Amino acid sequence: MKSLLGTHESKVFFPVEKITKGDLLEYYQKISPFILPYLKDRPIVLRRFPNGIDEGSFYQKAIPEPHPKFLKTVEIEHEERTIEYLMINNLDSLLYAVNLGSIDLHPFTSRVKKLGYPDYCVLDLDPQELPFERVIEVAQECHALLDGLKIPHYCKTSGGRGLHIYIPLHARFTHEQSRAFAEQIAAYLHKEMPKLTSLERSPKKRVGQIYLDCLQNRFGQTLAAPYSVRPKKGAPVSMPLEWKEVVKGLNPLDFTLKNVPGLMKHRGDFFKGVLGPGVFSSKFP
């Protein structure tokens, strides 16, 4: 498949695997039907690797100037300044971002029409150097809690050593409420698993523990979107999972740029429920 909007496509982005920018553009073309719903109508923060994963990167909130007229943008007022963000609503804008060297894509948790109200709450399980099996233990404890409360929740790999658990909120609650909810879940998990988990933000204070990160629920915070390639050896993908897959033996590095498009031909999108109404919409008018 020939990529669109590509320049310098032979530039190597993943040296060990010899994956080029052209390969990255082709991946995002193939996966676009699955990733675009998680990007559409959201401000996007770009994390750019102009010369590949070994040559440094930078985050970019403001869209580069000049930029093509076909792109849709949105201006958002922050305390210190107003920023014009890129929005990725179609294939052309997706490939524009990737062509800038954006290996992974980082959308807001809220959409532009209701910026103060996130579509989902996120709990980020950050293990540092612990074995992935320990992350699975914490994820399953969280799954049991939320399942027992009949709260819809969905899991994806971070593309690294962690897992992300999303709870749909249907833009009915503020970022502060979403964060408070995540903190309640984290507090319960830490109470049940005090030696394995930590609520401490500082890595020095949580050596050998999994950090239960709730800070991604603040306004303007972003996480890599589902199906994003991550800038790590092997070109892993942040991959949605069925809960029956989140068991001992799961290897997050089994999902890569090279095999995910083929897998998606028969897997289906296990994550689409995060954009649904969520349990709270039916309980609260």
C-alpha atoms as a PDB file:
ATOM      1  CA  MET A   1       0.000   0.000   0.000  1.00  0.00           C
ATOM      2  CA  LYS A   2       1.461   3.337  -1.011  1.00  0.00           C
ATOM      3  CA  SER A   3       1.353   5.932   1.747  1.00  0.00           C
ATOM      4  CA  LEU A   4      -0.178   9.389   1.382  1.00  0.00           C
ATOM      5  CA  LEU A   5       1.316  12.763   2.252  1.00  0.00           C
ATOM      6  CA  GLY A   6       4.700  11.199   3.002  1.00  0.00           C
ATOM      7  CA  THR A   7       8.126  12.827   2.733  1.00  0.00           C
ATOM      8  CA  HIS A   8      11.515  11.204   3.378  1.00  0.00           C
ATOM      9  CA  GLU A   9       9.764   7.849   3.682  1.00  0.00           C
ATOM     10  CA  SER A  10      13.024   5.909   3.585  1.00  0.00           C
ATOM     11  CA  LYS A  11      14.216   7.517   6.832  1.00  0.00           C
ATOM     12  CA  VAL A  12      14.719   4.792   9.456  1.00  0.00           C
ATOM     13  CA  PHE A  13      12.670   5.365  12.612  1.00  0.00           C
ATOM     14  CA  PHE A  14      13.310   2.037  14.388  1.00  0.00           C
ATOM     15  CA  PRO A  15      16.984   1.149  13.725  1.00  0.00           C
ATOM     16  CA  VAL A  16      17.015  -2.408  15.096  1.00  0.00           C
ATOM     17  CA  GLU A  17      13.969  -3.479  13.092  1.00  0.00           C
ATOM     18  CA  LYS A  18      14.835  -1.166  10.144  1.00  0.00           C
ATOM     19  CA  ILE A  19      11.290   0.230  10.231  1.00  0.00           C
ATOM     20  CA  THR A  20      11.042   3.408   8.178  1.00  0.00           C
ATOM     21  CA  LYS A  21       8.798   6.432   8.201  1.00  0.00           C
ATOM     22  CA  GLY A  22       7.096   4.953   5.170  1.00  0.00           C
ATOM     23  CA  ASP A  23       6.331   1.791   7.140  1.00  0.00           C
ATOM     24  CA  LEU A  24       4.850   3.924   9.912  1.00  0.00           C
ATOM     25  CA  LEU A  25       2.668   5.853   7.473  1.00  0.00           C
ATOM     26  CA  GLU A  26       1.487   2.586   5.937  1.00  0.00           C
ATOM     27  CA  TYR A  27       0.596   1.201   9.370  1.00  0.00           C
ATOM     28  CA  TYR A  28      -1.531   4.224  10.210  1.00  0.00           C
ATOM     29  CA  GLN A  29      -3.270   4.036   6.846  1.00  0.00           C
ATOM     30  CA  LYS A  30      -4.244   0.445   7.520  1.00  0.00           C
ATOM     31  CA  ILE A  31      -5.302   1.015  11.112  1.00  0.00           C
ATOM     32  CA  SER A  32      -7.076   4.350  10.487  1.00  0.00           C
ATOM     33  CA  PRO A  33     -10.649   2.912  10.682  1.00  0.00           C
ATOM     34  CA  PHE A  34      -9.882   1.744  14.217  1.00  0.00           C
ATOM     35  CA  ILE A  35      -7.824   4.634  15.604  1.00  0.00           C
ATOM     36  CA  LEU A  36      -9.716   7.608  14.152  1.00  0.00           C
ATOM     37  CA  PRO A  37     -12.764   7.288  16.473  1.00  0.00           C
ATOM     38  CA  TYR A  38     -10.415   7.857  19.449  1.00  0.00           C
ATOM     39  CA  LEU A  39      -8.856  10.946  17.866  1.00  0.00           C
ATOM     40  CA  LYS A  40     -11.824  12.659  16.236  1.00  0.00           C
ATOM     41  CA  ASP A  41     -12.921  16.038  17.658  1.00  0.00           C
ATOM     42  CA  ARG A  42     -10.154  16.054  20.260  1.00  0.00           C
ATOM     43  CA  PRO A  43      -7.148  18.363  20.596  1.00  0.00           C
ATOM     44  CA  ILE A  44      -4.009  16.366  19.844  1.00  0.00           C
ATOM     45  CA  VAL A  45      -0.593  16.716  21.471  1.00  0.00           C
ATOM     46  CA  LEU A  46       2.163  15.625  19.104  1.00  0.00           C
ATOM     47  CA  ARG A  47       5.216  13.749  20.343  1.00  0.00           C
ATOM     48  CA  ARG A  48       7.645  14.103  17.500  1.00  0.00           C
ATOM     49  CA  PHE A  49      10.689  11.963  16.656  1.00  0.00           C
ATOM     50  CA  PRO A  50      11.972  13.683  13.485  1.00  0.00           C
ATOM     51  CA  ASN A  51      14.937  11.330  13.153  1.00  0.00           C
ATOM     52  CA  GLY A  52      13.662   8.170  14.793  1.00  0.00           C
ATOM     53  CA  ILE A  53      13.475   6.754  18.299  1.00  0.00           C
ATOM     54  CA  ASP A  54      17.205   6.947  19.018  1.00  0.00           C
ATOM     55  CA  GLU A  55      17.625  10.622  18.105  1.00  0.00           C
ATOM     56  CA  GLY A  56      15.507  12.443  20.668  1.00  0.00           C
ATOM     57  CA  SER A  57      11.942  13.719  20.728  1.00  0.00           C
ATOM     58  CA  PHE A  58       9.818  16.629  21.843  1.00  0.00           C
ATOM     59  CA  TYR A  59       6.169  17.257  22.691  1.00  0.00           C
ATOM     60  CA  GLN A  60       4.377  19.855  20.611  1.00  0.00           C
ATOM     61  CA  LYS A  61       1.003  21.269  21.590  1.00  0.00           C
ATOM     62  CA  ALA A  62       0.704  24.116  19.087  1.00  0.00           C
ATOM     63  CA  ILE A  63       0.291  23.043  15.480  1.00  0.00           C
ATOM     64  CA  PRO A  64       3.368  23.909  13.364  1.00  0.00           C
ATOM     65  CA  GLU A  65       3.143  27.037  11.225  1.00  0.00           C
ATOM     66  CA  PRO A  66       2.547  27.232   8.378  1.00  0.00           C
ATOM     67  CA  HIS A  67       0.248  24.229   8.004  1.00  0.00           C
ATOM     68  CA  PRO A  68      -2.034  22.987   5.216  1.00  0.00           C
ATOM     69  CA  LYS A  69      -5.446  24.654   4.945  1.00  0.00           C
ATOM     70  CA  PHE A  70      -7.268  21.325   4.943  1.00  0.00           C
ATOM     71  CA  LEU A  71      -6.360  20.722   8.596  1.00  0.00           C
ATOM     72  CA  LYS A  72      -8.904  21.398  11.319  1.00  0.00           C
ATOM     73  CA  THR A  73      -7.608  23.095  14.471  1.00  0.00           C
ATOM     74  CA  VAL A  74      -8.996  24.405  17.728  1.00  0.00           C
ATOM     75  CA  GLU A  75      -7.788  27.220  19.997  1.00  0.00           C
ATOM     76  CA  ILE A  76      -7.825  26.480  23.723  1.00  0.00           C
ATOM     77  CA  GLU A  77      -7.187  29.003  26.454  1.00  0.00           C
ATOM     78  CA  HIS A  78      -4.761  27.898  29.136  1.00  0.00           C
ATOM     79  CA  GLU A  79      -3.724  29.937  32.147  1.00  0.00           C
ATOM     80  CA  GLU A  80      -0.479  31.041  30.547  1.00  0.00           C
ATOM     81  CA  ARG A  81      -1.459  31.305  26.858  1.00  0.00           C
ATOM     82  CA  THR A  82      -3.851  30.308  24.093  1.00  0.00           C
ATOM     83  CA  ILE A  83      -2.742  27.275  22.060  1.00  0.00           C
ATOM     84  CA  GLU A  84      -3.938  26.225  18.621  1.00  0.00           C
ATOM     85  CA  TYR A  85      -4.102  22.422  18.608  1.00  0.00           C
ATOM     86  CA  LEU A  86      -4.330  20.055  15.687  1.00  0.00           C
ATOM     87  CA  MET A  87      -7.438  17.899  15.381  1.00  0.00           C
ATOM     88  CA  ILE A  88      -7.265  14.542  13.601  1.00  0.00           C
ATOM     89  CA  ASN A  89     -10.673  13.829  12.098  1.00  0.00           C
ATOM     90  CA  ASN A  90      -9.731  11.988   8.911  1.00  0.00           C
ATOM     91  CA  LEU A  91      -6.996  10.014   7.198  1.00  0.00           C
ATOM     92  CA  ASP A  92      -5.248  13.021   5.669  1.00  0.00           C
ATOM     93  CA  SER A  93      -4.843  14.785   9.023  1.00  0.00           C
ATOM     94  CA  LEU A  94      -3.714  11.525  10.622  1.00  0.00           C
ATOM     95  CA  LEU A  95      -0.986  11.038   8.028  1.00  0.00           C
ATOM     96  CA  TYR A  96      -0.003  14.699   8.279  1.00  0.00           C
ATOM     97  CA  ALA A  97       0.736  14.195  11.985  1.00  0.00           C
ATOM     98  CA  VAL A  98       2.638  10.967  11.398  1.00  0.00           C
ATOM     99  CA  ASN A  99       4.664  12.545   8.594  1.00  0.00           C
ATOM    100  CA  LEU A 100       5.889  15.125  11.129  1.00  0.00           C
ATOM    101  CA  GLY A 101       7.503  12.233  13.003  1.00  0.00           C
ATOM    102  CA  SER A 102       4.651  11.645  15.460  1.00  0.00           C
ATOM    103  CA  ILE A 103       5.124   7.953  16.210  1.00  0.00           C
ATOM    104  CA  ASP A 104       2.376   7.861  18.829  1.00  0.00           C
ATOM    105  CA  LEU A 105      -0.659  10.132  19.087  1.00  0.00           C
ATOM    106  CA  HIS A 106      -1.889  11.755  22.291  1.00  0.00           C
ATOM    107  CA  PRO A 107      -5.518  12.975  22.335  1.00  0.00           C
ATOM    108  CA  PHE A 108      -7.300  14.864  25.111  1.00  0.00           C
ATOM    109  CA  THR A 109      -9.741  12.801  27.174  1.00  0.00           C
ATOM    110  CA  SER A 110     -12.471  15.310  26.257  1.00  0.00           C
ATOM    111  CA  ARG A 111     -13.858  16.535  22.945  1.00  0.00           C
ATOM    112  CA  VAL A 112     -13.925  20.146  21.823  1.00  0.00           C
ATOM    113  CA  LYS A 113     -17.683  20.585  22.335  1.00  0.00           C
ATOM    114  CA  LYS A 114     -17.392  19.631  26.034  1.00  0.00           C
ATOM    115  CA  LEU A 115     -13.762  20.280  26.919  1.00  0.00           C
ATOM    116  CA  GLY A 116     -14.431  20.366  30.638  1.00  0.00           C
ATOM    117  CA  TYR A 117     -16.094  16.948  30.633  1.00  0.00           C
ATOM    118  CA  PRO A 118     -13.974  13.895  29.772  1.00  0.00           C
ATOM    119  CA  ASP A 119     -15.404  10.926  27.917  1.00  0.00           C
ATOM    120  CA  TYR A 120     -13.602   8.489  30.169  1.00  0.00           C
ATOM    121  CA  CYS A 121     -11.688   8.085  33.403  1.00  0.00           C
ATOM    122  CA  VAL A 122      -8.232   6.508  33.239  1.00  0.00           C
ATOM    123  CA  LEU A 123      -6.161   4.473  35.682  1.00  0.00           C
ATOM    124  CA  ASP A 124      -2.574   4.004  34.512  1.00  0.00           C
ATOM    125  CA  LEU A 125      -0.745   1.009  36.006  1.00  0.00           C
ATOM    126  CA  ASP A 126       2.945   1.957  35.880  1.00  0.00           C
ATOM    127  CA  PRO A 127       5.241  -0.888  36.983  1.00  0.00           C
ATOM    128  CA  GLN A 128       8.693   0.618  36.486  1.00  0.00           C
ATOM    129  CA  GLU A 129      10.897  -2.507  36.414  1.00  0.00           C
ATOM    130  CA  LEU A 130       8.523  -5.090  37.893  1.00  0.00           C
ATOM    131  CA  PRO A 131       7.585  -8.191  35.874  1.00  0.00           C
ATOM    132  CA  PHE A 132       4.501  -7.728  33.736  1.00  0.00           C
ATOM    133  CA  GLU A 133       2.775 -10.576  35.571  1.00  0.00           C
ATOM    134  CA  ARG A 134       2.523  -8.335  38.635  1.00  0.00           C
ATOM    135  CA  VAL A 135       0.763  -5.664  36.564  1.00  0.00           C
ATOM    136  CA  ILE A 136      -1.727  -8.315  35.470  1.00  0.00           C
ATOM    137  CA  GLU A 137      -2.437  -9.133  39.131  1.00  0.00           C
ATOM    138  CA  VAL A 138      -3.345  -5.509  39.867  1.00  0.00           C
ATOM    139  CA  ALA A 139      -5.397  -5.199  36.681  1.00  0.00           C
ATOM    140  CA  GLN A 140      -7.388  -8.294  37.585  1.00  0.00           C
ATOM    141  CA  GLU A 141      -8.056  -6.951  41.089  1.00  0.00           C
ATOM    142  CA  CYS A 142      -9.339  -3.745  39.514  1.00  0.00           C
ATOM    143  CA  HIS A 143     -11.419  -5.774  37.061  1.00  0.00           C
ATOM    144  CA  ALA A 144     -13.003  -7.734  39.902  1.00  0.00           C
ATOM    145  CA  LEU A 145     -13.854  -4.529  41.771  1.00  0.00           C
ATOM    146  CA  LEU A 146     -15.441  -2.771  38.802  1.00  0.00           C
ATOM    147  CA  ASP A 147     -17.170  -5.913  37.582  1.00  0.00           C
ATOM    148  CA  GLY A 148     -18.717  -6.377  41.001  1.00  0.00           C
ATOM    149  CA  LEU A 149     -20.005  -2.804  40.901  1.00  0.00           C
ATOM    150  CA  LYS A 150     -21.293  -3.353  37.337  1.00  0.00           C
ATOM    151  CA  ILE A 151     -19.177  -0.480  36.059  1.00  0.00           C
ATOM    152  CA  PRO A 152     -18.086  -0.861  32.415  1.00  0.00           C
ATOM    153  CA  HIS A 153     -14.319  -0.785  32.019  1.00  0.00           C
ATOM    154  CA  TYR A 154     -11.816  -1.553  29.302  1.00  0.00           C
ATOM    155  CA  CYS A 155      -8.146  -2.434  29.193  1.00  0.00           C
ATOM    156  CA  LYS A 156      -5.301  -1.800  26.772  1.00  0.00           C
ATOM    157  CA  THR A 157      -1.579  -2.252  26.878  1.00  0.00           C
ATOM    158  CA  SER A 158       0.429   0.916  27.280  1.00  0.00           C
ATOM    159  CA  GLY A 159       2.735  -0.303  24.545  1.00  0.00           C
ATOM    160  CA  GLY A 160       5.382  -0.673  27.214  1.00  0.00           C
ATOM    161  CA  ARG A 161       5.404  -2.454  30.566  1.00  0.00           C
ATOM    162  CA  GLY A 162       2.089  -1.125  31.875  1.00  0.00           C
ATOM    163  CA  LEU A 163      -1.660  -1.340  31.365  1.00  0.00           C
ATOM    164  CA  HIS A 164      -4.299   1.363  31.009  1.00  0.00           C
ATOM    165  CA  ILE A 165      -7.810   0.863  32.392  1.00  0.00           C
ATOM    166  CA  TYR A 166     -10.534   3.148  31.011  1.00  0.00           C
ATOM    167  CA  ILE A 167     -14.017   3.760  32.435  1.00  0.00           C
ATOM    168  CA  PRO A 168     -16.550   5.496  30.151  1.00  0.00           C
ATOM    169  CA  LEU A 169     -18.130   8.648  31.595  1.00  0.00           C
ATOM    170  CA  HIS A 170     -19.996   9.930  28.525  1.00  0.00           C
ATOM    171  CA  ALA A 171     -18.919  13.531  29.241  1.00  0.00           C
ATOM    172  CA  ARG A 172     -21.252  13.732  32.248  1.00  0.00           C
ATOM    173  CA  PHE A 173     -18.664  14.653  34.898  1.00  0.00           C
ATOM    174  CA  THR A 174     -15.822  17.142  35.261  1.00  0.00           C
ATOM    175  CA  HIS A 175     -12.125  16.338  35.161  1.00  0.00           C
ATOM    176  CA  GLU A 176     -11.997  16.902  38.913  1.00  0.00           C
ATOM    177  CA  GLN A 177     -14.769  14.369  39.466  1.00  0.00           C
ATOM    178  CA  SER A 178     -13.118  11.904  37.121  1.00  0.00           C
ATOM    179  CA  ARG A 179      -9.826  12.213  38.965  1.00  0.00           C
ATOM    180  CA  ALA A 180     -11.547  11.811  42.338  1.00  0.00           C
ATOM    181  CA  PHE A 181     -13.224   8.640  41.080  1.00  0.00           C
ATOM    182  CA  ALA A 182      -9.886   7.248  39.860  1.00  0.00           C
ATOM    183  CA  GLU A 183      -8.342   8.076  43.234  1.00  0.00           C
ATOM    184  CA  GLN A 184     -11.061   6.109  45.027  1.00  0.00           C
ATOM    185  CA  ILE A 185     -10.360   3.086  42.858  1.00  0.00           C
ATOM    186  CA  ALA A 186      -6.623   3.464  43.415  1.00  0.00           C
ATOM    187  CA  ALA A 187      -7.097   3.781  47.179  1.00  0.00           C
ATOM    188  CA  TYR A 188      -9.100   0.544  47.230  1.00  0.00           C
ATOM    189  CA  LEU A 189      -6.479  -1.307  45.183  1.00  0.00           C
ATOM    190  CA  HIS A 190      -3.677  -0.021  47.388  1.00  0.00           C
ATOM    191  CA  LYS A 191      -5.560  -1.125  50.506  1.00  0.00           C
ATOM    192  CA  GLU A 192      -6.008  -4.606  49.039  1.00  0.00           C
ATOM    193  CA  MET A 193      -2.444  -4.848  47.685  1.00  0.00           C
ATOM    194  CA  PRO A 194      -0.313  -2.517  49.861  1.00  0.00           C
ATOM    195  CA  LYS A 195       3.038  -4.183  49.176  1.00  0.00           C
ATOM    196  CA  LEU A 196       2.586  -4.392  45.418  1.00  0.00           C
ATOM    197  CA  THR A 197       1.023  -0.996  44.706  1.00  0.00           C
ATOM    198  CA  SER A 198       1.796   2.616  45.522  1.00  0.00           C
ATOM    199  CA  LEU A 199       0.081   5.987  45.402  1.00  0.00           C
ATOM    200  CA  GLU A 200       3.422   7.804  45.564  1.00  0.00           C
ATOM    201  CA  ARG A 201       4.253   9.878  42.499  1.00  0.00           C
ATOM    202  CA  SER A 202       8.005   9.943  43.147  1.00  0.00           C
ATOM    203  CA  PRO A 203       9.765   6.846  41.708  1.00  0.00           C
ATOM    204  CA  LYS A 204      12.222   6.913  44.625  1.00  0.00           C
ATOM    205  CA  LYS A 205       9.339   6.381  47.056  1.00  0.00           C
ATOM    206  CA  ARG A 206       7.816   3.407  45.187  1.00  0.00           C
ATOM    207  CA  VAL A 207      10.723   1.161  44.308  1.00  0.00           C
ATOM    208  CA  GLY A 208       9.442  -2.353  43.641  1.00  0.00           C
ATOM    209  CA  GLN A 209       5.815  -1.221  43.487  1.00  0.00           C
ATOM    210  CA  ILE A 210       3.279  -0.479  40.769  1.00  0.00           C
ATOM    211  CA  TYR A 211       2.244   3.165  40.646  1.00  0.00           C
ATOM    212  CA  LEU A 212      -1.531   3.690  40.450  1.00  0.00           C
ATOM    213  CA  ASP A 213      -1.473   6.862  38.393  1.00  0.00           C
ATOM    214  CA  CYS A 214      -4.640   8.972  38.466  1.00  0.00           C
ATOM    215  CA  LEU A 215      -3.079  12.195  37.202  1.00  0.00           C
ATOM    216  CA  GLN A 216      -3.975  11.491  33.587  1.00  0.00           C
ATOM    217  CA  ASN A 217      -7.496  12.653  34.439  1.00  0.00           C
ATOM    218  CA  ARG A 218      -6.511  16.308  34.765  1.00  0.00           C
ATOM    219  CA  PHE A 219      -7.584  18.749  32.066  1.00  0.00           C
ATOM    220  CA  GLY A 220      -5.176  18.717  29.140  1.00  0.00           C
ATOM    221  CA  GLN A 221      -3.402  15.517  30.174  1.00  0.00           C
ATOM    222  CA  THR A 222      -3.012  12.928  27.441  1.00  0.00           C
ATOM    223  CA  LEU A 223      -2.202   9.258  26.968  1.00  0.00           C
ATOM    224  CA  ALA A 224      -1.263   7.420  23.794  1.00  0.00           C
ATOM    225  CA  ALA A 225      -4.417   6.560  21.878  1.00  0.00           C
ATOM    226  CA  PRO A 226      -5.476   2.946  21.329  1.00  0.00           C
ATOM    227  CA  TYR A 227      -3.611   1.462  18.352  1.00  0.00           C
ATOM    228  CA  SER A 228      -0.795   4.013  18.600  1.00  0.00           C
ATOM    229  CA  VAL A 229       2.673   2.712  17.839  1.00  0.00           C
ATOM    230  CA  ARG A 230       4.987   3.417  20.761  1.00  0.00           C
ATOM    231  CA  PRO A 231       8.546   4.720  20.319  1.00  0.00           C
ATOM    232  CA  LYS A 232      10.234   1.652  21.768  1.00  0.00           C
ATOM    233  CA  LYS A 233      12.306  -1.235  20.504  1.00  0.00           C
ATOM    234  CA  GLY A 234      10.141  -3.622  18.512  1.00  0.00           C
ATOM    235  CA  ALA A 235       7.592  -0.920  17.543  1.00  0.00           C
ATOM    236  CA  PRO A 236       4.937  -2.145  20.026  1.00  0.00           C
ATOM    237  CA  VAL A 237       1.356  -0.944  19.784  1.00  0.00           C
ATOM    238  CA  SER A 238      -0.930   0.253  22.580  1.00  0.00           C
ATOM    239  CA  MET A 239      -3.389  -2.578  22.083  1.00  0.00           C
ATOM    240  CA  PRO A 240      -6.967  -2.983  23.352  1.00  0.00           C
ATOM    241  CA  LEU A 241      -7.604  -6.316  25.052  1.00  0.00           C
ATOM    242  CA  GLU A 242     -10.486  -8.498  26.086  1.00  0.00           C
ATOM    243  CA  TRP A 243     -10.410  -9.114  29.818  1.00  0.00           C
ATOM    244  CA  LYS A 244     -10.027 -12.845  29.201  1.00  0.00           C
ATOM    245  CA  GLU A 245      -6.657 -11.988  27.601  1.00  0.00           C
ATOM    246  CA  VAL A 246      -5.397 -10.145  30.695  1.00  0.00           C
ATOM    247  CA  VAL A 247      -3.976 -13.266  32.297  1.00  0.00           C
ATOM    248  CA  LYS A 248      -0.624 -14.830  33.042  1.00  0.00           C
ATOM    249  CA  GLY A 249       1.267 -15.369  29.810  1.00  0.00           C
ATOM    250  CA  LEU A 250       0.120 -12.149  28.162  1.00  0.00           C
ATOM    251  CA  ASN A 251       3.065 -10.370  26.553  1.00  0.00           C
ATOM    252  CA  PRO A 252       2.358  -6.763  25.526  1.00  0.00           C
ATOM    253  CA  LEU A 253       5.254  -6.889  23.081  1.00  0.00           C
ATOM    254  CA  ASP A 254       3.348  -9.448  21.002  1.00  0.00           C
ATOM    255  CA  PHE A 255       1.382  -6.552  19.478  1.00  0.00           C
ATOM    256  CA  THR A 256       3.498  -4.590  17.025  1.00  0.00           C
ATOM    257  CA  LEU A 257       3.355  -2.362  13.979  1.00  0.00           C
ATOM    258  CA  LYS A 258       4.027  -5.411  11.844  1.00  0.00           C
ATOM    259  CA  ASN A 259       1.212  -7.685  13.013  1.00  0.00           C
ATOM    260  CA  VAL A 260      -1.598  -5.514  14.423  1.00  0.00           C
ATOM    261  CA  PRO A 261      -3.207  -4.607  11.050  1.00  0.00           C
ATOM    262  CA  GLY A 262      -3.505  -8.310  10.262  1.00  0.00           C
ATOM    263  CA  LEU A 263      -4.836  -9.117  13.732  1.00  0.00           C
ATOM    264  CA  MET A 264      -7.516  -6.443  13.429  1.00  0.00           C
ATOM    265  CA  LYS A 265      -9.034  -8.194  10.430  1.00  0.00           C
ATOM    266  CA  HIS A 266     -10.575 -10.719  12.799  1.00  0.00           C
ATOM    267  CA  ARG A 267     -10.222  -9.294  16.343  1.00  0.00           C
ATOM    268  CA  GLY A 268     -12.651  -6.410  16.200  1.00  0.00           C
ATOM    269  CA  ASP A 269     -12.347  -3.325  18.387  1.00  0.00           C
ATOM    270  CA  PHE A 270     -12.622  -4.424  22.024  1.00  0.00           C
ATOM    271  CA  PHE A 271     -12.209  -0.831  23.213  1.00  0.00           C
ATOM    272  CA  LYS A 272     -15.103   0.971  21.504  1.00  0.00           C
ATOM    273  CA  GLY A 273     -17.201   0.837  24.663  1.00  0.00           C
ATOM    274  CA  VAL A 274     -15.090   3.631  26.176  1.00  0.00           C
ATOM    275  CA  LEU A 275     -16.879   6.006  23.807  1.00  0.00           C
ATOM    276  CA  GLY A 276     -20.268   4.692  24.932  1.00  0.00           C
ATOM    277  CA  PRO A 277     -22.607   5.989  27.641  1.00  0.00           C
ATOM    278  CA  GLY A 278     -21.067   4.269  30.669  1.00  0.00           C
ATOM    279  CA  VAL A 279     -22.880   3.068  33.764  1.00  0.00           C
ATOM    280  CA  PHE A 280     -23.297   6.535  35.274  1.00  0.00           C
ATOM    281  CA  SER A 281     -25.428   7.896  32.461  1.00  0.00           C
ATOM    282  CA  SER A 282     -28.202   5.447  33.288  1.00  0.00           C
ATOM    283  CA  LYS A 283     -28.034   5.993  37.038  1.00  0.00           C
ATOM    284  CA  PHE A 284     -27.925   9.780  37.083  1.00  0.00           C
ATOM    285  CA  PRO A 285     -30.342  11.993  35.098  1.00  0.00           C
END
